Amino acid sequence: MTVVTYSRFQQLKHLIKLHNWQFDGKPHAVPYGFKADITDGITKVHVTFYDTGKTLIQGAPGDLKNAIEAWERHREDVPESEE
């Protein structure tokens, strides 16, 4: 995991804690990145951070996915030096 990928994962952990969500299973390395499954107790979302900087968010439509996608859009709007 690159330093940038690790930093983004730490930010996601903070978001999870703020919303009282949980990891569904243990976050783990995947080829060229890192994957975490997150649940709000109703739905599950898969978030994969790739070493290239790309983030893939997959899962059923709903409040959890919308919130994570909004967080990611905001994160993309902020230059990395301000994160």
C-alpha atoms as a PDB file:
ATOM      1  CA  MET A   1       0.000   0.000   0.000  1.00  0.00           C
ATOM      2  CA  THR A   2       1.366   3.391  -0.945  1.00  0.00           C
ATOM      3  CA  VAL A   3       1.497   6.307   1.472  1.00  0.00           C
ATOM      4  CA  VAL A   4      -1.347   8.022  -0.409  1.00  0.00           C
ATOM      5  CA  THR A   5      -3.503   4.871  -0.333  1.00  0.00           C
ATOM      6  CA  TYR A   6      -2.822   4.486   3.399  1.00  0.00           C
ATOM      7  CA  SER A   7      -3.747   8.139   4.033  1.00  0.00           C
ATOM      8  CA  ARG A   8      -7.027   7.749   2.137  1.00  0.00           C
ATOM      9  CA  PHE A   9      -7.818   4.584   4.082  1.00  0.00           C
ATOM     10  CA  GLN A  10      -7.208   6.420   7.364  1.00  0.00           C
ATOM     11  CA  GLN A  11      -9.606   9.154   6.243  1.00  0.00           C
ATOM     12  CA  LEU A  12     -12.221   6.506   5.419  1.00  0.00           C
ATOM     13  CA  LYS A  13     -11.778   4.980   8.891  1.00  0.00           C
ATOM     14  CA  HIS A  14     -12.502   8.398  10.380  1.00  0.00           C
ATOM     15  CA  LEU A  15     -15.660   8.719   8.259  1.00  0.00           C
ATOM     16  CA  ILE A  16     -16.810   5.263   9.373  1.00  0.00           C
ATOM     17  CA  LYS A  17     -16.328   6.205  13.020  1.00  0.00           C
ATOM     18  CA  LEU A  18     -18.208   9.509  12.611  1.00  0.00           C
ATOM     19  CA  HIS A  19     -21.261   7.722  11.200  1.00  0.00           C
ATOM     20  CA  ASN A  20     -21.139   4.657  13.482  1.00  0.00           C
ATOM     21  CA  TRP A  21     -20.723   2.375  10.468  1.00  0.00           C
ATOM     22  CA  GLN A  22     -18.619  -0.775  10.638  1.00  0.00           C
ATOM     23  CA  PHE A  23     -16.199  -2.753   8.562  1.00  0.00           C
ATOM     24  CA  ASP A  24     -17.826  -5.941   7.279  1.00  0.00           C
ATOM     25  CA  GLY A  25     -14.853  -8.246   7.568  1.00  0.00           C
ATOM     26  CA  LYS A  26     -11.236  -7.225   7.651  1.00  0.00           C
ATOM     27  CA  PRO A  27      -9.926  -4.637   5.153  1.00  0.00           C
ATOM     28  CA  HIS A  28      -7.327  -6.275   2.931  1.00  0.00           C
ATOM     29  CA  ALA A  29      -4.839  -5.756   0.148  1.00  0.00           C
ATOM     30  CA  VAL A  30      -5.876  -6.475  -3.424  1.00  0.00           C
ATOM     31  CA  PRO A  31      -3.705  -6.323  -6.539  1.00  0.00           C
ATOM     32  CA  TYR A  32      -2.556  -2.709  -6.873  1.00  0.00           C
ATOM     33  CA  GLY A  33      -4.612  -1.424  -3.958  1.00  0.00           C
ATOM     34  CA  PHE A  34      -6.611  -1.915  -0.800  1.00  0.00           C
ATOM     35  CA  LYS A  35     -10.251  -2.929  -0.281  1.00  0.00           C
ATOM     36  CA  ALA A  36     -12.695  -2.440   2.574  1.00  0.00           C
ATOM     37  CA  ASP A  37     -16.301  -3.564   2.909  1.00  0.00           C
ATOM     38  CA  ILE A  38     -18.424  -1.185   4.978  1.00  0.00           C
ATOM     39  CA  THR A  39     -21.902  -1.644   6.409  1.00  0.00           C
ATOM     40  CA  ASP A  40     -24.422   0.579   8.105  1.00  0.00           C
ATOM     41  CA  GLY A  41     -26.330  -2.457   9.341  1.00  0.00           C
ATOM     42  CA  ILE A  42     -28.667  -2.356   6.348  1.00  0.00           C
ATOM     43  CA  THR A  43     -26.537  -2.232   3.225  1.00  0.00           C
ATOM     44  CA  LYS A  44     -22.924  -3.020   2.348  1.00  0.00           C
ATOM     45  CA  VAL A  45     -20.554  -0.999   0.173  1.00  0.00           C
ATOM     46  CA  HIS A  46     -17.198  -2.118  -1.221  1.00  0.00           C
ATOM     47  CA  VAL A  47     -14.532   0.604  -1.405  1.00  0.00           C
ATOM     48  CA  THR A  48     -11.283  -0.083  -3.245  1.00  0.00           C
ATOM     49  CA  PHE A  49      -8.410   2.408  -3.251  1.00  0.00           C
ATOM     50  CA  TYR A  50      -5.943   1.793  -6.073  1.00  0.00           C
ATOM     51  CA  ASP A  51      -2.304   2.837  -5.972  1.00  0.00           C
ATOM     52  CA  THR A  52      -3.004   4.918  -9.115  1.00  0.00           C
ATOM     53  CA  GLY A  53      -5.250   7.213  -7.068  1.00  0.00           C
ATOM     54  CA  LYS A  54      -8.511   5.842  -8.452  1.00  0.00           C
ATOM     55  CA  THR A  55     -11.260   4.872  -6.007  1.00  0.00           C
ATOM     56  CA  LEU A  56     -13.924   2.317  -6.865  1.00  0.00           C
ATOM     57  CA  ILE A  57     -17.143   2.402  -4.820  1.00  0.00           C
ATOM     58  CA  GLN A  58     -19.567  -0.465  -5.374  1.00  0.00           C
ATOM     59  CA  GLY A  59     -22.730  -1.621  -3.675  1.00  0.00           C
ATOM     60  CA  ALA A  60     -26.461  -1.265  -3.467  1.00  0.00           C
ATOM     61  CA  PRO A  61     -27.872   2.240  -3.914  1.00  0.00           C
ATOM     62  CA  GLY A  62     -28.774   3.884  -0.631  1.00  0.00           C
ATOM     63  CA  ASP A  63     -27.718   6.315   2.061  1.00  0.00           C
ATOM     64  CA  LEU A  64     -24.433   4.535   2.816  1.00  0.00           C
ATOM     65  CA  LYS A  65     -23.224   4.497  -0.779  1.00  0.00           C
ATOM     66  CA  ASN A  66     -24.402   8.074  -1.357  1.00  0.00           C
ATOM     67  CA  ALA A  67     -22.518   9.307   1.715  1.00  0.00           C
ATOM     68  CA  ILE A  68     -19.285   7.548   0.729  1.00  0.00           C
ATOM     69  CA  GLU A  69     -19.553   8.819  -2.850  1.00  0.00           C
ATOM     70  CA  ALA A  70     -20.132  12.377  -1.562  1.00  0.00           C
ATOM     71  CA  TRP A  71     -17.099  12.040   0.726  1.00  0.00           C
ATOM     72  CA  GLU A  72     -15.002  10.843  -2.210  1.00  0.00           C
ATOM     73  CA  ARG A  73     -16.186  13.700  -4.471  1.00  0.00           C
ATOM     74  CA  HIS A  74     -15.287  16.231  -1.770  1.00  0.00           C
ATOM     75  CA  ARG A  75     -11.919  14.556  -1.248  1.00  0.00           C
ATOM     76  CA  GLU A  76     -11.204  14.836  -4.980  1.00  0.00           C
ATOM     77  CA  ASP A  77     -11.970  18.585  -4.850  1.00  0.00           C
ATOM     78  CA  VAL A  78      -9.394  19.211  -2.110  1.00  0.00           C
ATOM     79  CA  PRO A  79      -5.740  19.389  -3.169  1.00  0.00           C
ATOM     80  CA  GLU A  80      -3.731  16.671  -1.434  1.00  0.00           C
ATOM     81  CA  SER A  81      -1.629  19.213   0.485  1.00  0.00           C
ATOM     82  CA  GLU A  82      -4.810  20.446   2.237  1.00  0.00           C
ATOM     83  CA  GLU A  83      -6.081  16.997   3.329  1.00  0.00           C
END
